[in-house]
Amino acid sequence: MRLIDPVVKNTKAVYGDRGYDSKKIYNYLSENCIGAIIPPKKNATTRSRGSPARARLVREIKRIEEEWKKAVNYGKRWLIEIFFSGLKRVVGEIVRAKKDDYKIQEVIFKIYSYFIMKNYTEV
């Protein structure tokens, strides 16, 4: 989570797929007052067991999953998926830097490069 810390203060909500459904992520987001827009895995329990925030969300979603997806605009997640898919196709998905600061710089450079290439190649 150390790589996420610098952007936490500007984040209101995190959208993710079922792969991000974990107590550690829910607790981290809850501690930093960030909304978790992450549907639980199919076999998720509604008991707390270490993450009350996740248990509340699991209970709510199991009751009204389709309504929940509409209410939180879960469909917006696909816009992010499309962006990252294009980014990885164009600049690659491997980060070669070893130190965390350099990893962040490398990723930012790749994102800027992607935007520049995208702006010059669109018709």
N, C-alpha and C. Protein backbone atom coordinates (compact mmCIF):
# COMPACT_ATOMS: atom_id res chain seq x y z
N MET A 1 0.82 -1.20 0.00
CA MET A 1 0.00 0.00 0.00
C MET A 1 0.86 1.26 0.00
N ARG A 2 2.15 1.11 0.20
CA ARG A 2 3.03 2.27 0.26
C ARG A 2 3.03 3.07 -1.05
N LEU A 3 2.86 2.41 -2.17
CA LEU A 3 2.83 3.11 -3.45
C LEU A 3 1.54 3.91 -3.63
N ILE A 4 0.50 3.52 -2.92
CA ILE A 4 -0.79 4.20 -3.04
C ILE A 4 -0.85 5.44 -2.15
N ASP A 5 -0.13 5.45 -1.04
CA ASP A 5 -0.21 6.52 -0.06
C ASP A 5 -0.13 7.94 -0.64
N PRO A 6 0.74 8.24 -1.61
CA PRO A 6 0.81 9.63 -2.11
C PRO A 6 -0.47 10.14 -2.76
N VAL A 7 -1.30 9.27 -3.30
CA VAL A 7 -2.52 9.73 -3.99
C VAL A 7 -3.78 9.59 -3.15
N VAL A 8 -3.64 9.09 -1.94
CA VAL A 8 -4.81 8.82 -1.10
C VAL A 8 -5.59 10.09 -0.78
N LYS A 9 -4.90 11.20 -0.50
CA LYS A 9 -5.61 12.40 -0.06
C LYS A 9 -6.52 12.98 -1.14
N ASN A 10 -6.31 12.63 -2.40
CA ASN A 10 -7.15 13.12 -3.49
C ASN A 10 -8.17 12.09 -3.97
N THR A 11 -8.29 10.97 -3.27
CA THR A 11 -9.14 9.88 -3.73
C THR A 11 -10.42 9.81 -2.90
N LYS A 12 -11.55 9.76 -3.59
CA LYS A 12 -12.84 9.66 -2.90
C LYS A 12 -13.40 8.24 -2.95
N ALA A 13 -13.09 7.52 -4.03
CA ALA A 13 -13.61 6.15 -4.18
C ALA A 13 -12.65 5.35 -5.06
N VAL A 14 -12.63 4.04 -4.82
CA VAL A 14 -11.82 3.13 -5.61
C VAL A 14 -12.76 2.11 -6.24
N TYR A 15 -12.71 2.02 -7.57
CA TYR A 15 -13.49 1.03 -8.30
C TYR A 15 -12.58 -0.16 -8.59
N GLY A 16 -13.09 -1.36 -8.39
CA GLY A 16 -12.30 -2.54 -8.70
C GLY A 16 -13.20 -3.73 -8.97
N ASP A 17 -12.64 -4.78 -9.56
CA ASP A 17 -13.42 -5.98 -9.78
C ASP A 17 -13.27 -6.92 -8.59
N ARG A 18 -13.84 -8.08 -8.69
CA ARG A 18 -13.83 -9.02 -7.56
C ARG A 18 -12.41 -9.43 -7.13
N GLY A 19 -11.45 -9.27 -8.00
CA GLY A 19 -10.07 -9.60 -7.67
C GLY A 19 -9.50 -8.72 -6.56
N TYR A 20 -10.10 -7.56 -6.33
CA TYR A 20 -9.63 -6.65 -5.28
C TYR A 20 -10.42 -6.80 -3.99
N ASP A 21 -11.27 -7.79 -3.91
CA ASP A 21 -12.08 -8.03 -2.72
C ASP A 21 -11.24 -8.72 -1.65
N SER A 22 -10.66 -7.91 -0.74
CA SER A 22 -9.90 -8.48 0.37
C SER A 22 -10.05 -7.60 1.60
N LYS A 23 -9.91 -8.20 2.76
CA LYS A 23 -10.03 -7.46 4.02
C LYS A 23 -8.99 -6.36 4.10
N LYS A 24 -7.78 -6.66 3.66
CA LYS A 24 -6.69 -5.69 3.73
C LYS A 24 -7.02 -4.43 2.93
N ILE A 25 -7.54 -4.60 1.73
CA ILE A 25 -7.88 -3.45 0.89
C ILE A 25 -9.06 -2.69 1.50
N TYR A 26 -10.11 -3.39 1.92
CA TYR A 26 -11.26 -2.72 2.52
C TYR A 26 -10.86 -1.94 3.77
N ASN A 27 -10.04 -2.54 4.63
CA ASN A 27 -9.61 -1.86 5.85
C ASN A 27 -8.79 -0.62 5.52
N TYR A 28 -7.88 -0.74 4.56
CA TYR A 28 -7.05 0.40 4.16
C TYR A 28 -7.93 1.54 3.65
N LEU A 29 -8.87 1.23 2.77
CA LEU A 29 -9.74 2.26 2.22
C LEU A 29 -10.62 2.88 3.30
N SER A 30 -11.16 2.05 4.18
CA SER A 30 -11.99 2.54 5.27
C SER A 30 -11.21 3.46 6.21
N GLU A 31 -9.98 3.09 6.56
CA GLU A 31 -9.14 3.92 7.44
C GLU A 31 -8.83 5.27 6.83
N ASN A 32 -8.81 5.34 5.50
CA ASN A 32 -8.50 6.60 4.80
C ASN A 32 -9.74 7.29 4.25
N CYS A 33 -10.92 6.89 4.73
CA CYS A 33 -12.20 7.50 4.33
C CYS A 33 -12.41 7.50 2.81
N ILE A 34 -12.10 6.37 2.19
CA ILE A 34 -12.26 6.20 0.75
C ILE A 34 -13.33 5.15 0.51
N GLY A 35 -14.27 5.45 -0.36
CA GLY A 35 -15.32 4.50 -0.68
C GLY A 35 -14.78 3.33 -1.48
N ALA A 36 -15.26 2.13 -1.18
CA ALA A 36 -14.85 0.93 -1.91
C ALA A 36 -15.98 0.49 -2.82
N ILE A 37 -15.78 0.62 -4.11
CA ILE A 37 -16.77 0.18 -5.09
C ILE A 37 -16.23 -1.12 -5.68
N ILE A 38 -16.28 -2.16 -4.87
CA ILE A 38 -15.70 -3.46 -5.22
C ILE A 38 -16.73 -4.54 -4.88
N PRO A 39 -17.27 -5.22 -5.87
CA PRO A 39 -18.23 -6.28 -5.55
C PRO A 39 -17.53 -7.45 -4.87
N PRO A 40 -18.18 -8.06 -3.91
CA PRO A 40 -17.56 -9.19 -3.21
C PRO A 40 -17.53 -10.44 -4.10
N LYS A 41 -16.63 -11.33 -3.76
CA LYS A 41 -16.56 -12.61 -4.46
C LYS A 41 -17.85 -13.38 -4.21
N LYS A 42 -18.16 -14.30 -5.07
CA LYS A 42 -19.42 -15.06 -4.97
C LYS A 42 -19.55 -15.79 -3.63
N ASN A 43 -18.42 -16.26 -3.08
CA ASN A 43 -18.48 -17.02 -1.83
C ASN A 43 -18.18 -16.15 -0.59
N ALA A 44 -18.30 -14.83 -0.71
CA ALA A 44 -17.97 -13.92 0.40
C ALA A 44 -18.92 -14.12 1.57
N THR A 45 -18.37 -14.07 2.77
CA THR A 45 -19.17 -14.21 3.99
C THR A 45 -19.69 -12.85 4.44
N THR A 46 -20.81 -12.85 5.12
CA THR A 46 -21.39 -11.60 5.62
C THR A 46 -20.98 -11.33 7.06
N ARG A 47 -20.09 -12.14 7.60
CA ARG A 47 -19.58 -11.92 8.96
C ARG A 47 -18.38 -10.98 8.90
N SER A 48 -18.14 -10.29 9.98
CA SER A 48 -17.08 -9.28 10.01
C SER A 48 -15.70 -9.89 9.86
N ARG A 49 -15.28 -10.73 10.75
CA ARG A 49 -13.98 -11.42 10.71
C ARG A 49 -12.82 -10.55 10.25
N GLY A 50 -12.65 -9.39 10.88
CA GLY A 50 -11.49 -8.55 10.59
C GLY A 50 -11.74 -7.35 9.72
N SER A 51 -12.93 -7.23 9.13
CA SER A 51 -13.22 -6.06 8.30
C SER A 51 -14.71 -5.73 8.34
N PRO A 52 -15.12 -4.93 9.32
CA PRO A 52 -16.54 -4.56 9.41
C PRO A 52 -17.04 -3.83 8.16
N ALA A 53 -16.19 -2.99 7.55
CA ALA A 53 -16.60 -2.26 6.35
C ALA A 53 -16.95 -3.21 5.22
N ARG A 54 -16.12 -4.24 5.04
CA ARG A 54 -16.36 -5.22 3.99
C ARG A 54 -17.62 -6.02 4.29
N ALA A 55 -17.81 -6.42 5.54
CA ALA A 55 -18.99 -7.22 5.91
C ALA A 55 -20.28 -6.45 5.63
N ARG A 56 -20.29 -5.15 5.96
CA ARG A 56 -21.48 -4.31 5.68
C ARG A 56 -21.78 -4.28 4.19
N LEU A 57 -20.73 -4.06 3.40
CA LEU A 57 -20.92 -3.98 1.95
C LEU A 57 -21.38 -5.31 1.37
N VAL A 58 -20.82 -6.41 1.84
CA VAL A 58 -21.22 -7.74 1.36
C VAL A 58 -22.70 -7.97 1.64
N ARG A 59 -23.14 -7.63 2.86
CA ARG A 59 -24.57 -7.81 3.19
C ARG A 59 -25.45 -6.97 2.27
N GLU A 60 -25.06 -5.72 2.04
CA GLU A 60 -25.85 -4.83 1.20
C GLU A 60 -25.91 -5.34 -0.24
N ILE A 61 -24.77 -5.74 -0.76
CA ILE A 61 -24.72 -6.17 -2.16
C ILE A 61 -25.44 -7.48 -2.38
N LYS A 62 -25.30 -8.42 -1.48
CA LYS A 62 -25.98 -9.71 -1.65
C LYS A 62 -27.50 -9.51 -1.68
N ARG A 63 -27.96 -8.47 -0.98
CA ARG A 63 -29.40 -8.20 -0.95
C ARG A 63 -29.89 -7.60 -2.28
N ILE A 64 -29.12 -6.66 -2.80
CA ILE A 64 -29.58 -5.91 -3.98
C ILE A 64 -28.44 -5.64 -4.97
N GLU A 65 -27.83 -6.67 -5.51
CA GLU A 65 -26.62 -6.50 -6.32
C GLU A 65 -26.82 -5.61 -7.55
N GLU A 66 -27.83 -5.84 -8.34
CA GLU A 66 -28.01 -5.03 -9.56
C GLU A 66 -28.31 -3.58 -9.24
N GLU A 67 -29.15 -3.34 -8.23
CA GLU A 67 -29.45 -1.97 -7.83
C GLU A 67 -28.20 -1.27 -7.30
N TRP A 68 -27.37 -2.03 -6.56
CA TRP A 68 -26.13 -1.47 -6.02
C TRP A 68 -25.21 -1.03 -7.15
N LYS A 69 -25.06 -1.86 -8.18
CA LYS A 69 -24.19 -1.53 -9.30
C LYS A 69 -24.65 -0.24 -9.98
N LYS A 70 -25.96 -0.07 -10.13
CA LYS A 70 -26.48 1.16 -10.74
C LYS A 70 -26.28 2.35 -9.82
N ALA A 71 -26.53 2.18 -8.53
CA ALA A 71 -26.44 3.28 -7.57
C ALA A 71 -25.02 3.83 -7.45
N VAL A 72 -24.01 2.98 -7.56
CA VAL A 72 -22.62 3.43 -7.41
C VAL A 72 -21.93 3.62 -8.75
N ASN A 73 -22.69 3.55 -9.84
CA ASN A 73 -22.12 3.69 -11.19
C ASN A 73 -20.98 2.71 -11.43
N TYR A 74 -21.20 1.46 -11.08
CA TYR A 74 -20.15 0.45 -11.22
C TYR A 74 -19.71 0.30 -12.67
N GLY A 75 -20.57 0.62 -13.61
CA GLY A 75 -20.21 0.55 -15.03
C GLY A 75 -19.05 1.46 -15.41
N LYS A 76 -18.79 2.50 -14.61
CA LYS A 76 -17.67 3.40 -14.87
C LYS A 76 -16.33 2.67 -14.82
N ARG A 77 -16.28 1.59 -14.10
CA ARG A 77 -15.03 0.83 -13.97
C ARG A 77 -14.50 0.42 -15.34
N TRP A 78 -15.39 0.17 -16.29
CA TRP A 78 -14.95 -0.27 -17.62
C TRP A 78 -14.19 0.82 -18.36
N LEU A 79 -14.47 2.09 -18.06
CA LEU A 79 -13.70 3.17 -18.67
C LEU A 79 -12.23 3.08 -18.24
N ILE A 80 -12.03 2.76 -16.99
CA ILE A 80 -10.67 2.60 -16.48
C ILE A 80 -10.00 1.38 -17.10
N GLU A 81 -10.76 0.28 -17.20
CA GLU A 81 -10.22 -0.95 -17.81
C GLU A 81 -9.78 -0.68 -19.25
N ILE A 82 -10.57 0.07 -20.00
CA ILE A 82 -10.23 0.38 -21.40
C ILE A 82 -8.97 1.22 -21.45
N PHE A 83 -8.85 2.21 -20.56
CA PHE A 83 -7.66 3.05 -20.54
C PHE A 83 -6.41 2.22 -20.28
N PHE A 84 -6.44 1.39 -19.23
CA PHE A 84 -5.26 0.61 -18.89
C PHE A 84 -4.93 -0.45 -19.94
N SER A 85 -5.94 -0.98 -20.58
CA SER A 85 -5.69 -1.94 -21.65
C SER A 85 -4.92 -1.28 -22.79
N GLY A 86 -5.37 -0.09 -23.19
CA GLY A 86 -4.66 0.65 -24.24
C GLY A 86 -3.26 1.04 -23.82
N LEU A 87 -3.13 1.50 -22.58
CA LEU A 87 -1.82 1.89 -22.05
C LEU A 87 -0.84 0.72 -22.11
N LYS A 88 -1.27 -0.46 -21.65
CA LYS A 88 -0.38 -1.62 -21.64
C LYS A 88 -0.04 -2.09 -23.06
N ARG A 89 -0.98 -1.98 -23.98
CA ARG A 89 -0.70 -2.37 -25.36
C ARG A 89 0.35 -1.46 -25.99
N VAL A 90 0.28 -0.17 -25.70
CA VAL A 90 1.16 0.79 -26.34
C VAL A 90 2.53 0.90 -25.68
N VAL A 91 2.58 1.02 -24.34
CA VAL A 91 3.87 1.24 -23.67
C VAL A 91 4.35 0.04 -22.87
N GLY A 92 3.60 -1.04 -22.86
CA GLY A 92 4.00 -2.24 -22.14
C GLY A 92 3.54 -2.22 -20.69
N GLU A 93 3.57 -3.37 -20.06
CA GLU A 93 3.09 -3.46 -18.69
C GLU A 93 4.18 -3.80 -17.69
N ILE A 94 5.41 -3.82 -18.13
CA ILE A 94 6.52 -4.14 -17.23
C ILE A 94 7.16 -2.86 -16.72
N VAL A 95 7.36 -2.77 -15.41
CA VAL A 95 8.07 -1.65 -14.80
C VAL A 95 9.45 -2.18 -14.44
N ARG A 96 10.47 -1.58 -15.00
CA ARG A 96 11.83 -2.09 -14.83
C ARG A 96 12.57 -1.49 -13.62
N ALA A 97 12.12 -0.35 -13.14
CA ALA A 97 12.80 0.30 -12.02
C ALA A 97 12.74 -0.58 -10.78
N LYS A 98 13.74 -0.44 -9.93
CA LYS A 98 13.82 -1.25 -8.71
C LYS A 98 13.34 -0.50 -7.47
N LYS A 99 13.65 0.78 -7.36
CA LYS A 99 13.27 1.58 -6.20
C LYS A 99 11.86 2.14 -6.40
N ASP A 100 11.11 2.26 -5.30
CA ASP A 100 9.72 2.71 -5.38
C ASP A 100 9.59 4.08 -6.04
N ASP A 101 10.45 5.04 -5.67
CA ASP A 101 10.37 6.38 -6.27
C ASP A 101 10.57 6.31 -7.78
N TYR A 102 11.51 5.49 -8.22
CA TYR A 102 11.77 5.36 -9.66
C TYR A 102 10.64 4.62 -10.37
N LYS A 103 10.01 3.67 -9.67
CA LYS A 103 8.85 2.98 -10.25
C LYS A 103 7.74 3.97 -10.54
N ILE A 104 7.47 4.85 -9.58
CA ILE A 104 6.42 5.86 -9.75
C ILE A 104 6.77 6.77 -10.93
N GLN A 105 8.02 7.22 -11.00
CA GLN A 105 8.45 8.08 -12.11
C GLN A 105 8.30 7.38 -13.45
N GLU A 106 8.66 6.11 -13.51
CA GLU A 106 8.57 5.35 -14.75
C GLU A 106 7.11 5.22 -15.21
N VAL A 107 6.23 4.92 -14.27
CA VAL A 107 4.81 4.77 -14.61
C VAL A 107 4.24 6.11 -15.08
N ILE A 108 4.57 7.20 -14.39
CA ILE A 108 4.09 8.52 -14.80
C ILE A 108 4.59 8.86 -16.20
N PHE A 109 5.86 8.57 -16.47
CA PHE A 109 6.42 8.81 -17.80
C PHE A 109 5.67 8.00 -18.86
N LYS A 110 5.36 6.75 -18.56
CA LYS A 110 4.62 5.92 -19.51
C LYS A 110 3.23 6.48 -19.77
N ILE A 111 2.57 6.95 -18.72
CA ILE A 111 1.22 7.51 -18.89
C ILE A 111 1.28 8.78 -19.73
N TYR A 112 2.23 9.68 -19.44
CA TYR A 112 2.38 10.90 -20.26
C TYR A 112 2.68 10.53 -21.71
N SER A 113 3.55 9.57 -21.92
CA SER A 113 3.89 9.15 -23.28
C SER A 113 2.67 8.62 -24.01
N TYR A 114 1.86 7.84 -23.30
CA TYR A 114 0.65 7.28 -23.90
C TYR A 114 -0.30 8.39 -24.33
N PHE A 115 -0.49 9.40 -23.46
CA PHE A 115 -1.38 10.51 -23.81
C PHE A 115 -0.85 11.27 -25.02
N ILE A 116 0.45 11.50 -25.06
CA ILE A 116 1.02 12.22 -26.20
C ILE A 116 0.82 11.42 -27.48
N MET A 117 1.12 10.12 -27.45
CA MET A 117 0.94 9.29 -28.65
C MET A 117 -0.53 9.23 -29.05
N LYS A 118 -1.42 9.11 -28.08
CA LYS A 118 -2.84 9.01 -28.38
C LYS A 118 -3.36 10.29 -29.02
N ASN A 119 -2.92 11.45 -28.55
CA ASN A 119 -3.38 12.71 -29.09
C ASN A 119 -2.89 12.94 -30.50
N TYR A 120 -1.75 12.39 -30.88
CA TYR A 120 -1.21 12.59 -32.22
C TYR A 120 -1.65 11.52 -33.21
N THR A 121 -2.28 10.45 -32.74
CA THR A 121 -2.66 9.39 -33.66
C THR A 121 -4.16 9.27 -33.87
N GLU A 122 -4.97 9.97 -33.09
CA GLU A 122 -6.42 9.86 -33.27
C GLU A 122 -6.85 10.62 -34.50
N VAL A 123 -7.85 10.09 -35.19
CA VAL A 123 -8.36 10.71 -36.41
C VAL A 123 -9.52 11.59 -36.09
